C-alpha cells in the first residue's frame, strides 16, 4: 500500500538545491478536495519559493570563489607587472582590495617608481588607482571601489620606474576579490561607476 505522504508530496519549485537559500515545499494535502485555505496557502508558498529562486539565480548560480593573489619583484628597471590575475572563461570578478608595498621608503619618497592598476594593459576608464607610495599593507590591503573584470580579461598592478635610484627595492602587491558565475552576462556592470 503506497504511503499517502509520498503520494501527496509536491516538488519544490525552482532549482533543486541552493546552499544559501533553503526553499520550503508547500504543505501537503489534496489540492482539489482539500480545504480552500490550504490551497491558497500552498499557492502563496509556491509563488514565494519560485520568486526567491529566481532572485538568487540573477545574482549568481551558486559559484562564488575568493580570489587573493600576491607577488613581489626586485629592483624594477622597466615597466613590469607586479601582480596580476586573469578571470577564467565564463566567470566575472569583482575586486575590492588592493595593496602595494615599497620595501625602501626613500625610493617611495623620491617618487622614482610609480604603480598603476590596469585592465588588459589599459587604464581603467572610471577609476585609476595610481601612486608613488605604499597603498595599504600586504597583511591589510585597503578597500577600493568595486572593480568588475570581465571573463578572459586580466587585472594587474604595473610598476613604472620614472627615475634612477640606487637603493635596493623590493615591491610587493596583493589583489583581492571574488569570482562569480552570472546568470546572464548583461546583468554584470562593466565598471564601478555603472553600479
N, C-alpha and C. Protein backbone atom coordinates (compact mmCIF):
# COMPACT_ATOMS: atom_id res chain seq x y z
N UNK A 1 0.85 -1.19 0.00
CA UNK A 1 0.00 0.00 0.00
C UNK A 1 0.89 1.24 0.00
N UNK A 2 0.72 2.18 -0.97
CA UNK A 2 1.61 3.34 -1.04
C UNK A 2 1.39 4.29 0.13
N UNK A 3 2.47 4.92 0.51
CA UNK A 3 2.40 5.89 1.61
C UNK A 3 1.73 7.18 1.12
N UNK A 4 0.68 7.63 1.83
CA UNK A 4 -0.07 8.83 1.43
C UNK A 4 0.80 10.08 1.47
N UNK A 5 1.76 10.12 2.38
CA UNK A 5 2.63 11.29 2.47
C UNK A 5 3.46 11.45 1.20
N UNK A 6 3.99 10.33 0.67
CA UNK A 6 4.78 10.39 -0.55
C UNK A 6 3.89 10.69 -1.76
N UNK A 7 2.65 10.17 -1.74
CA UNK A 7 1.75 10.36 -2.87
C UNK A 7 1.34 11.83 -3.02
N UNK A 8 1.14 12.52 -1.89
CA UNK A 8 0.65 13.89 -1.92
C UNK A 8 1.76 14.95 -1.89
N UNK A 9 3.00 14.51 -1.83
CA UNK A 9 4.10 15.49 -1.76
C UNK A 9 4.28 16.15 -3.12
N UNK A 10 4.40 17.47 -3.11
CA UNK A 10 4.59 18.22 -4.36
C UNK A 10 6.06 18.61 -4.48
N UNK A 11 6.60 18.64 -5.70
CA UNK A 11 8.02 19.01 -5.86
C UNK A 11 8.25 20.48 -5.50
N UNK A 12 9.43 20.76 -4.99
CA UNK A 12 9.80 22.13 -4.67
C UNK A 12 10.06 22.88 -5.98
N UNK A 13 9.45 24.05 -6.16
CA UNK A 13 9.67 24.78 -7.42
C UNK A 13 11.08 25.36 -7.49
N UNK A 14 11.49 25.70 -8.71
CA UNK A 14 12.80 26.32 -8.90
C UNK A 14 13.90 25.29 -8.96
N UNK A 15 15.12 25.73 -8.67
CA UNK A 15 16.26 24.83 -8.69
C UNK A 15 16.16 23.84 -7.55
N UNK A 16 16.68 22.60 -7.72
CA UNK A 16 16.53 21.59 -6.67
C UNK A 16 17.26 21.94 -5.38
N UNK A 17 18.37 22.69 -5.46
CA UNK A 17 19.09 22.99 -4.22
C UNK A 17 19.94 24.23 -4.41
N UNK A 18 19.97 25.08 -3.43
CA UNK A 18 20.91 26.19 -3.37
C UNK A 18 21.33 26.30 -1.91
N UNK A 19 22.63 26.22 -1.63
CA UNK A 19 23.07 26.15 -0.23
C UNK A 19 22.71 27.36 0.61
N UNK A 20 22.49 28.54 -0.01
CA UNK A 20 22.25 29.73 0.78
C UNK A 20 20.78 30.08 0.94
N UNK A 21 19.94 29.50 0.09
CA UNK A 21 18.52 29.84 0.15
C UNK A 21 17.71 28.56 0.23
N UNK A 22 17.34 28.11 1.43
CA UNK A 22 16.51 26.91 1.51
C UNK A 22 15.11 27.21 0.99
N UNK A 23 14.64 26.37 0.09
CA UNK A 23 13.30 26.53 -0.44
C UNK A 23 12.34 25.60 0.31
N UNK A 24 11.24 26.14 0.76
CA UNK A 24 10.28 25.35 1.55
C UNK A 24 9.22 24.79 0.62
N UNK A 25 8.94 23.52 0.78
CA UNK A 25 7.89 22.90 -0.02
C UNK A 25 6.53 23.33 0.51
N UNK A 26 5.53 23.46 -0.38
CA UNK A 26 4.18 23.80 0.09
C UNK A 26 3.64 22.70 0.98
N UNK A 27 2.70 23.00 1.86
CA UNK A 27 2.15 21.97 2.74
C UNK A 27 1.45 20.90 1.93
N UNK A 28 1.55 19.66 2.45
CA UNK A 28 0.93 18.55 1.73
C UNK A 28 -0.58 18.56 1.99
N UNK A 29 -1.28 17.94 1.11
CA UNK A 29 -2.74 17.86 1.20
C UNK A 29 -3.31 17.70 -0.18
N UNK A 30 -4.54 17.31 -0.27
CA UNK A 30 -5.19 17.11 -1.55
C UNK A 30 -5.53 18.48 -2.13
N UNK A 31 -4.89 18.90 -3.27
CA UNK A 31 -5.13 20.25 -3.77
C UNK A 31 -6.53 20.46 -4.35
N UNK A 32 -7.24 19.38 -4.63
CA UNK A 32 -8.57 19.52 -5.24
C UNK A 32 -9.67 19.51 -4.19
N UNK A 33 -9.66 18.49 -3.33
CA UNK A 33 -10.76 18.37 -2.39
C UNK A 33 -10.42 18.91 -1.00
N UNK A 34 -9.20 19.42 -0.82
CA UNK A 34 -8.80 19.90 0.50
C UNK A 34 -9.43 21.24 0.85
N UNK A 35 -9.07 21.72 2.00
CA UNK A 35 -9.56 22.99 2.50
C UNK A 35 -9.09 24.12 1.57
N UNK A 36 -9.96 25.10 1.29
CA UNK A 36 -9.59 26.19 0.38
C UNK A 36 -8.46 27.04 0.97
N UNK A 37 -8.43 27.17 2.29
CA UNK A 37 -7.33 27.94 2.92
C UNK A 37 -5.99 27.26 2.69
N UNK A 38 -6.01 25.93 2.73
CA UNK A 38 -4.78 25.18 2.50
C UNK A 38 -4.30 25.36 1.05
N UNK A 39 -5.24 25.36 0.08
CA UNK A 39 -4.87 25.56 -1.31
C UNK A 39 -4.30 26.96 -1.55
N UNK A 40 -4.91 27.98 -0.93
CA UNK A 40 -4.42 29.35 -1.09
C UNK A 40 -3.02 29.48 -0.48
N UNK A 41 -2.84 28.90 0.71
CA UNK A 41 -1.54 28.97 1.38
C UNK A 41 -0.48 28.24 0.56
N UNK A 42 -0.83 27.09 -0.02
CA UNK A 42 0.11 26.33 -0.84
C UNK A 42 0.51 27.15 -2.08
N UNK A 43 -0.46 27.80 -2.70
CA UNK A 43 -0.16 28.62 -3.88
C UNK A 43 0.73 29.80 -3.53
N UNK A 44 0.48 30.44 -2.37
CA UNK A 44 1.32 31.56 -1.94
C UNK A 44 2.75 31.11 -1.68
N UNK A 45 2.90 29.99 -1.00
CA UNK A 45 4.25 29.49 -0.71
C UNK A 45 4.99 29.09 -1.98
N UNK A 46 4.27 28.49 -2.93
CA UNK A 46 4.89 28.10 -4.18
C UNK A 46 5.37 29.33 -4.96
N UNK A 47 4.54 30.36 -5.00
CA UNK A 47 4.92 31.59 -5.69
C UNK A 47 6.11 32.26 -5.02
N UNK A 48 6.12 32.29 -3.68
CA UNK A 48 7.23 32.88 -2.93
C UNK A 48 8.53 32.12 -3.19
N UNK A 49 8.45 30.78 -3.19
CA UNK A 49 9.64 29.96 -3.42
C UNK A 49 10.18 30.16 -4.83
N UNK A 50 9.28 30.25 -5.82
CA UNK A 50 9.72 30.47 -7.21
C UNK A 50 10.39 31.84 -7.37
N UNK A 51 9.81 32.88 -6.78
CA UNK A 51 10.40 34.21 -6.93
C UNK A 51 11.73 34.31 -6.18
N UNK A 52 11.84 33.62 -5.04
CA UNK A 52 13.09 33.63 -4.28
C UNK A 52 14.19 32.92 -5.08
N UNK A 53 13.86 31.79 -5.70
CA UNK A 53 14.85 31.07 -6.50
C UNK A 53 15.27 31.88 -7.71
N UNK A 54 14.32 32.58 -8.33
CA UNK A 54 14.65 33.41 -9.50
C UNK A 54 15.55 34.57 -9.10
N UNK A 55 15.28 35.20 -7.95
CA UNK A 55 16.11 36.32 -7.49
C UNK A 55 17.53 35.87 -7.22
N UNK A 56 17.70 34.70 -6.63
CA UNK A 56 19.05 34.21 -6.33
C UNK A 56 19.79 33.89 -7.62
N UNK A 57 19.10 33.30 -8.60
CA UNK A 57 19.79 32.92 -9.84
C UNK A 57 20.20 34.14 -10.65
N UNK A 58 19.58 35.30 -10.43
CA UNK A 58 20.00 36.51 -11.12
C UNK A 58 21.33 37.01 -10.58
N UNK A 59 21.59 36.76 -9.30
CA UNK A 59 22.85 37.23 -8.71
C UNK A 59 23.99 36.31 -9.12
N UNK A 60 23.88 35.04 -8.86
CA UNK A 60 24.86 34.07 -9.32
C UNK A 60 24.25 32.69 -9.24
N UNK A 61 24.92 31.74 -9.84
CA UNK A 61 24.39 30.38 -9.86
C UNK A 61 25.19 29.48 -8.94
N UNK A 62 25.33 29.87 -7.72
CA UNK A 62 25.97 29.02 -6.74
C UNK A 62 27.49 29.02 -6.79
N UNK A 63 28.11 29.77 -7.70
CA UNK A 63 29.57 29.78 -7.82
C UNK A 63 30.07 31.09 -7.25
N UNK A 64 30.83 31.01 -6.21
CA UNK A 64 31.30 32.21 -5.52
C UNK A 64 32.63 31.84 -4.88
N UNK A 65 33.73 32.28 -5.48
CA UNK A 65 35.05 31.86 -5.02
C UNK A 65 35.92 33.07 -4.73
N UNK A 66 36.66 33.01 -3.64
CA UNK A 66 37.54 34.11 -3.25
C UNK A 66 38.79 34.10 -4.13
N UNK A 67 39.20 35.30 -4.54
CA UNK A 67 40.46 35.48 -5.28
C UNK A 67 41.38 36.31 -4.39
N UNK A 68 42.58 35.80 -4.14
CA UNK A 68 43.55 36.52 -3.32
C UNK A 68 44.94 36.17 -3.85
N UNK A 69 45.55 37.09 -4.61
CA UNK A 69 46.85 36.83 -5.22
C UNK A 69 47.89 37.83 -4.72
N UNK A 70 49.09 37.34 -4.48
CA UNK A 70 50.20 38.20 -4.04
C UNK A 70 51.42 37.90 -4.91
N UNK A 71 52.29 38.87 -5.03
CA UNK A 71 53.53 38.68 -5.78
C UNK A 71 54.53 39.75 -5.35
N UNK A 72 55.79 39.56 -5.76
CA UNK A 72 56.85 40.51 -5.41
C UNK A 72 57.86 40.57 -6.55
N UNK A 73 58.50 41.75 -6.70
CA UNK A 73 59.59 41.91 -7.68
C UNK A 73 60.71 42.69 -7.01
N UNK A 74 61.93 42.53 -7.56
CA UNK A 74 63.09 43.25 -7.04
C UNK A 74 63.64 44.22 -8.08
N UNK A 75 63.97 45.42 -7.64
CA UNK A 75 64.65 46.43 -8.46
C UNK A 75 64.10 46.55 -9.89
N UNK A 76 62.87 46.99 -10.04
CA UNK A 76 62.33 47.12 -11.41
C UNK A 76 63.07 48.20 -12.19
N UNK A 77 63.51 47.88 -13.42
CA UNK A 77 64.22 48.85 -14.25
C UNK A 77 63.42 49.22 -15.49
N UNK A 78 62.31 48.51 -15.73
CA UNK A 78 61.43 48.81 -16.87
C UNK A 78 60.00 48.59 -16.39
N UNK A 79 59.04 48.98 -17.22
CA UNK A 79 57.63 48.76 -16.86
C UNK A 79 57.41 47.26 -16.67
N UNK A 80 56.98 46.88 -15.48
CA UNK A 80 56.87 45.48 -15.10
C UNK A 80 55.55 45.22 -14.39
N UNK A 81 54.97 44.04 -14.59
CA UNK A 81 53.77 43.65 -13.86
C UNK A 81 54.17 43.16 -12.47
N UNK A 82 53.59 43.78 -11.46
CA UNK A 82 53.86 43.39 -10.08
C UNK A 82 53.01 42.19 -9.69
N UNK A 83 51.70 42.29 -9.87
CA UNK A 83 50.78 41.20 -9.55
C UNK A 83 49.62 41.27 -10.53
N UNK A 84 49.14 40.11 -10.97
CA UNK A 84 48.04 40.11 -11.95
C UNK A 84 47.16 38.88 -11.75
N UNK A 85 45.96 38.96 -12.33
CA UNK A 85 45.02 37.82 -12.29
C UNK A 85 44.16 37.87 -13.55
N UNK A 86 44.04 36.73 -14.24
CA UNK A 86 43.18 36.60 -15.42
C UNK A 86 41.91 35.86 -15.03
N UNK A 87 40.77 36.47 -15.33
CA UNK A 87 39.47 35.88 -14.97
C UNK A 87 39.20 34.68 -15.88
N UNK A 88 38.86 33.52 -15.31
CA UNK A 88 38.58 32.34 -16.14
C UNK A 88 37.37 32.55 -17.06
N UNK A 89 37.34 31.82 -18.15
CA UNK A 89 36.25 31.91 -19.12
C UNK A 89 34.92 31.54 -18.47
N UNK A 90 33.89 32.33 -18.75
CA UNK A 90 32.56 32.06 -18.22
C UNK A 90 32.29 32.66 -16.86
N UNK A 91 33.28 33.31 -16.27
CA UNK A 91 33.11 33.92 -14.95
C UNK A 91 33.41 35.42 -15.04
N UNK A 92 32.98 36.15 -14.03
CA UNK A 92 33.36 37.55 -13.88
C UNK A 92 33.94 37.72 -12.48
N UNK A 93 34.70 38.79 -12.28
CA UNK A 93 35.33 39.00 -10.98
C UNK A 93 35.05 40.42 -10.50
N UNK A 94 34.94 40.55 -9.19
CA UNK A 94 34.79 41.87 -8.57
C UNK A 94 35.93 42.02 -7.58
N UNK A 95 36.82 42.99 -7.83
CA UNK A 95 37.96 43.24 -6.96
C UNK A 95 37.67 44.44 -6.07
N UNK A 96 37.95 44.29 -4.77
CA UNK A 96 37.67 45.35 -3.80
C UNK A 96 38.83 45.62 -2.85
N UNK A 97 39.90 44.84 -2.95
CA UNK A 97 41.04 45.03 -2.04
C UNK A 97 42.33 45.12 -2.84
N UNK A 98 43.20 46.03 -2.40
CA UNK A 98 44.44 46.28 -3.12
C UNK A 98 45.52 46.70 -2.14
N UNK A 99 46.73 46.20 -2.38
CA UNK A 99 47.89 46.63 -1.58
C UNK A 99 49.11 46.71 -2.49
N UNK A 100 49.89 47.78 -2.31
CA UNK A 100 51.19 47.94 -2.99
C UNK A 100 52.16 48.42 -1.92
N UNK A 101 53.26 47.69 -1.75
CA UNK A 101 54.19 47.98 -0.65
C UNK A 101 55.60 48.15 -1.19
N UNK A 102 56.26 49.26 -0.80
CA UNK A 102 57.67 49.53 -1.11
C UNK A 102 58.51 49.11 0.09
N UNK A 103 59.58 48.34 -0.15
CA UNK A 103 60.45 47.96 0.97
C UNK A 103 61.36 49.11 1.39
N UNK A 104 61.62 50.04 0.49
CA UNK A 104 62.54 51.14 0.77
C UNK A 104 61.79 52.47 0.76
N UNK A 105 61.59 53.10 1.94
CA UNK A 105 60.82 54.35 1.99
C UNK A 105 61.47 55.49 1.20
N UNK A 106 62.80 55.51 1.08
CA UNK A 106 63.45 56.60 0.35
C UNK A 106 63.08 56.59 -1.14
N UNK A 107 62.94 55.40 -1.71
CA UNK A 107 62.56 55.31 -3.12
C UNK A 107 61.12 55.80 -3.29
N UNK A 108 60.27 55.44 -2.35
CA UNK A 108 58.88 55.88 -2.42
C UNK A 108 58.79 57.40 -2.28
N UNK A 109 59.56 57.97 -1.34
CA UNK A 109 59.51 59.42 -1.10
C UNK A 109 60.07 60.21 -2.29
N UNK A 110 61.05 59.63 -2.99
CA UNK A 110 61.65 60.35 -4.13
C UNK A 110 60.79 60.23 -5.40
N UNK A 111 59.73 59.46 -5.34
CA UNK A 111 58.81 59.24 -6.47
C UNK A 111 59.55 58.73 -7.70
N UNK A 112 60.51 57.84 -7.46
CA UNK A 112 61.29 57.27 -8.56
C UNK A 112 60.55 56.12 -9.24
N UNK A 113 59.67 55.45 -8.51
CA UNK A 113 58.94 54.30 -9.06
C UNK A 113 57.46 54.48 -8.76
N UNK A 114 56.66 54.49 -9.81
CA UNK A 114 55.20 54.62 -9.65
C UNK A 114 54.54 53.26 -9.86
N UNK A 115 53.29 53.16 -9.46
CA UNK A 115 52.50 51.96 -9.73
C UNK A 115 51.12 52.39 -10.25
N UNK A 116 50.51 51.50 -11.02
CA UNK A 116 49.22 51.81 -11.62
C UNK A 116 48.41 50.52 -11.77
N UNK A 117 47.10 50.63 -11.57
CA UNK A 117 46.19 49.49 -11.75
C UNK A 117 45.65 49.53 -13.18
N UNK A 118 45.76 48.39 -13.89
CA UNK A 118 45.32 48.34 -15.28
C UNK A 118 44.47 47.08 -15.54
N UNK A 119 43.62 47.17 -16.57
CA UNK A 119 42.88 46.01 -17.05
C UNK A 119 43.22 45.83 -18.52
N UNK A 120 43.70 44.62 -18.86
CA UNK A 120 44.13 44.30 -20.23
C UNK A 120 45.12 45.33 -20.77
N UNK A 121 46.00 45.80 -19.93
CA UNK A 121 47.06 46.71 -20.34
C UNK A 121 46.66 48.17 -20.44
N UNK A 122 45.39 48.48 -20.26
CA UNK A 122 44.94 49.87 -20.35
C UNK A 122 44.46 50.40 -19.02
N UNK A 123 44.45 51.71 -18.90
CA UNK A 123 43.97 52.33 -17.67
C UNK A 123 42.47 52.13 -17.52
N UNK A 124 42.01 52.12 -16.29
CA UNK A 124 40.58 51.96 -16.05
C UNK A 124 39.86 53.24 -16.42
N UNK A 125 38.71 53.14 -17.12
CA UNK A 125 38.03 54.35 -17.56
C UNK A 125 37.46 55.19 -16.43
N UNK A 126 36.93 54.55 -15.38
CA UNK A 126 36.26 55.32 -14.32
C UNK A 126 37.15 55.52 -13.10
N UNK A 127 38.01 54.56 -12.86
CA UNK A 127 38.79 54.59 -11.63
C UNK A 127 40.21 54.19 -11.98
N UNK A 128 41.20 54.93 -11.54
CA UNK A 128 42.57 54.58 -11.89
C UNK A 128 43.50 54.79 -10.70
N UNK A 129 43.52 53.83 -9.76
CA UNK A 129 44.47 53.94 -8.66
C UNK A 129 45.89 54.05 -9.20
N UNK A 130 46.60 55.03 -8.69
CA UNK A 130 47.93 55.33 -9.18
C UNK A 130 48.69 55.97 -8.03
N UNK A 131 49.95 55.67 -7.88
CA UNK A 131 50.67 56.31 -6.80
C UNK A 131 52.15 56.03 -6.80
N UNK A 132 52.82 56.68 -5.85
CA UNK A 132 54.26 56.53 -5.67
C UNK A 132 54.59 55.98 -4.28
N UNK A 133 53.61 55.79 -3.45
CA UNK A 133 53.87 55.38 -2.07
C UNK A 133 53.09 54.13 -1.72
N UNK A 134 53.33 53.64 -0.50
CA UNK A 134 52.63 52.45 -0.04
C UNK A 134 51.12 52.67 -0.08
N UNK A 135 50.41 51.62 -0.49
CA UNK A 135 48.95 51.64 -0.52
C UNK A 135 48.51 50.43 0.29
N UNK A 136 48.15 50.68 1.54
CA UNK A 136 47.81 49.57 2.43
C UNK A 136 49.05 48.79 2.81
N UNK A 137 48.84 47.57 3.29
CA UNK A 137 49.95 46.67 3.60
C UNK A 137 49.60 45.29 3.07
N UNK A 138 50.62 44.44 3.00
CA UNK A 138 50.37 43.11 2.46
C UNK A 138 49.40 42.33 3.36
N UNK A 139 49.43 42.61 4.66
CA UNK A 139 48.54 41.89 5.58
C UNK A 139 47.18 42.54 5.70
N UNK A 140 47.09 43.83 5.38
CA UNK A 140 45.81 44.55 5.43
C UNK A 140 45.64 45.40 4.18
N UNK A 141 45.23 44.77 3.06
CA UNK A 141 45.01 45.57 1.85
C UNK A 141 43.84 46.53 2.05
N UNK A 142 43.90 47.66 1.36
CA UNK A 142 42.86 48.68 1.52
C UNK A 142 41.65 48.37 0.65
N UNK A 143 40.48 48.77 1.13
CA UNK A 143 39.26 48.65 0.35
C UNK A 143 39.24 49.72 -0.73
N UNK A 144 38.86 49.34 -1.94
CA UNK A 144 38.69 50.29 -3.05
C UNK A 144 37.28 50.12 -3.59
N UNK A 145 36.83 51.08 -4.40
CA UNK A 145 35.53 50.93 -5.06
C UNK A 145 35.54 49.66 -5.89
N UNK A 146 34.41 48.93 -5.94
CA UNK A 146 34.39 47.67 -6.69
C UNK A 146 34.81 47.86 -8.15
N UNK A 147 35.69 46.97 -8.60
CA UNK A 147 36.16 46.99 -9.98
C UNK A 147 35.77 45.65 -10.60
N UNK A 148 34.84 45.68 -11.57
CA UNK A 148 34.39 44.46 -12.24
C UNK A 148 35.33 44.16 -13.40
N UNK A 149 35.74 42.90 -13.49
CA UNK A 149 36.61 42.45 -14.57
C UNK A 149 35.90 41.32 -15.30
N UNK A 150 35.77 41.47 -16.61
CA UNK A 150 35.00 40.51 -17.42
C UNK A 150 35.79 39.23 -17.68
N UNK A 151 35.07 38.23 -18.15
CA UNK A 151 35.64 36.93 -18.47
C UNK A 151 36.80 37.06 -19.46
N UNK A 152 37.92 36.42 -19.15
CA UNK A 152 39.08 36.43 -20.03
C UNK A 152 39.96 37.66 -19.93
N UNK A 153 39.54 38.67 -19.16
CA UNK A 153 40.35 39.88 -19.01
C UNK A 153 41.34 39.73 -17.85
N UNK A 154 42.39 40.55 -17.90
CA UNK A 154 43.44 40.48 -16.87
C UNK A 154 43.52 41.81 -16.14
N UNK A 155 43.48 41.74 -14.82
CA UNK A 155 43.70 42.92 -13.98
C UNK A 155 45.12 42.81 -13.44
N UNK A 156 45.83 43.94 -13.41
CA UNK A 156 47.23 43.90 -12.99
C UNK A 156 47.64 45.20 -12.33
N UNK A 157 48.57 45.10 -11.40
CA UNK A 157 49.26 46.27 -10.86
C UNK A 157 50.60 46.33 -11.58
N UNK A 158 50.83 47.44 -12.28
CA UNK A 158 52.03 47.61 -13.09
C UNK A 158 52.95 48.62 -12.41
N UNK A 159 54.25 48.31 -12.39
CA UNK A 159 55.26 49.17 -11.78
C UNK A 159 55.97 49.94 -12.90
N UNK A 160 56.10 51.26 -12.71
CA UNK A 160 56.67 52.13 -13.75
C UNK A 160 57.85 52.92 -13.16
N UNK A 161 59.10 52.51 -13.44
CA UNK A 161 60.25 53.31 -12.97
C UNK A 161 60.31 54.63 -13.74
N UNK A 162 60.41 55.73 -13.01
CA UNK A 162 60.42 57.05 -13.65
C UNK A 162 61.73 57.81 -13.41
N UNK A 163 62.56 57.32 -12.51
CA UNK A 163 63.85 57.97 -12.24
C UNK A 163 64.81 56.91 -11.71
N UNK A 164 66.08 57.23 -11.79
CA UNK A 164 67.10 56.30 -11.33
C UNK A 164 67.12 56.29 -9.80
N UNK A 165 67.36 55.11 -9.21
CA UNK A 165 67.50 55.01 -7.75
C UNK A 165 68.62 54.01 -7.47
N UNK A 166 69.35 54.24 -6.37
CA UNK A 166 70.48 53.36 -6.07
C UNK A 166 70.23 52.46 -4.87
N UNK A 167 69.06 52.53 -4.27
CA UNK A 167 68.73 51.66 -3.15
C UNK A 167 68.14 50.34 -3.67
N UNK A 168 68.37 49.28 -2.90
CA UNK A 168 67.72 48.02 -3.25
C UNK A 168 66.23 48.16 -2.96
N UNK A 169 65.40 47.79 -3.91
CA UNK A 169 63.96 47.94 -3.74
C UNK A 169 63.26 46.62 -4.01
N UNK A 170 62.45 46.23 -3.08
CA UNK A 170 61.56 45.07 -3.26
C UNK A 170 60.13 45.59 -3.16
N UNK A 171 59.33 45.32 -4.17
CA UNK A 171 57.93 45.75 -4.16
C UNK A 171 57.03 44.53 -4.06
N UNK A 172 55.99 44.67 -3.24
CA UNK A 172 55.03 43.59 -3.03
C UNK A 172 53.63 44.08 -3.39
N UNK A 173 52.83 43.22 -3.98
CA UNK A 173 51.46 43.59 -4.35
C UNK A 173 50.47 42.51 -3.99
N UNK A 174 49.23 42.94 -3.78
CA UNK A 174 48.16 42.00 -3.44
C UNK A 174 46.84 42.49 -4.04
N UNK A 175 46.11 41.57 -4.66
CA UNK A 175 44.77 41.85 -5.21
C UNK A 175 43.78 40.89 -4.56
N UNK A 176 42.64 41.41 -4.14
CA UNK A 176 41.63 40.57 -3.51
C UNK A 176 40.24 40.84 -4.05
N UNK A 177 39.48 39.78 -4.27
CA UNK A 177 38.12 39.93 -4.75
C UNK A 177 37.40 38.60 -4.76
N UNK A 178 36.36 38.51 -5.64
CA UNK A 178 35.56 37.29 -5.73
C UNK A 178 35.23 36.99 -7.19
N UNK A 179 35.11 35.69 -7.49
CA UNK A 179 34.67 35.24 -8.80
C UNK A 179 33.19 34.89 -8.73
N UNK A 180 32.45 35.23 -9.77
CA UNK A 180 31.02 34.92 -9.85
C UNK A 180 30.70 34.30 -11.20
N UNK A 181 29.69 33.43 -11.21
CA UNK A 181 29.15 32.93 -12.47
C UNK A 181 27.81 33.61 -12.66
N UNK A 182 27.73 34.57 -13.58
CA UNK A 182 26.48 35.34 -13.71
C UNK A 182 25.39 34.53 -14.39
N UNK A 183 24.14 34.84 -14.04
CA UNK A 183 23.01 34.20 -14.70
C UNK A 183 22.94 34.65 -16.15
N UNK A 184 23.31 35.91 -16.40
CA UNK A 184 23.32 36.46 -17.75
C UNK A 184 24.42 37.51 -17.79
N UNK A 185 25.29 37.52 -18.80
CA UNK A 185 26.41 38.48 -18.82
C UNK A 185 25.96 39.93 -18.72
N UNK A 186 24.77 40.26 -19.25
CA UNK A 186 24.32 41.65 -19.22
C UNK A 186 23.95 42.11 -17.82
N UNK A 187 23.82 41.16 -16.87
CA UNK A 187 23.43 41.53 -15.51
C UNK A 187 24.60 42.09 -14.72
N UNK A 188 25.83 41.98 -15.24
CA UNK A 188 27.01 42.41 -14.51
C UNK A 188 27.44 43.78 -15.02
N UNK A 189 27.60 44.78 -14.14
CA UNK A 189 28.07 46.10 -14.60
C UNK A 189 29.50 46.01 -15.11
N UNK A 190 29.81 46.85 -16.10
CA UNK A 190 31.17 46.83 -16.66
C UNK A 190 32.16 47.52 -15.75
N UNK A 191 31.75 48.58 -15.06
CA UNK A 191 32.67 49.34 -14.23
C UNK A 191 31.97 49.71 -12.93
N UNK A 192 32.76 50.12 -11.96
CA UNK A 192 32.20 50.51 -10.66
C UNK A 192 31.22 51.67 -10.84
N UNK A 193 31.46 52.55 -11.80
CA UNK A 193 30.59 53.71 -11.99
C UNK A 193 29.23 53.35 -12.55
N UNK A 194 29.07 52.11 -13.09
CA UNK A 194 27.80 51.72 -13.66
C UNK A 194 26.85 51.15 -12.62
N UNK A 195 27.34 50.97 -11.40
CA UNK A 195 26.51 50.32 -10.37
C UNK A 195 25.47 51.28 -9.83
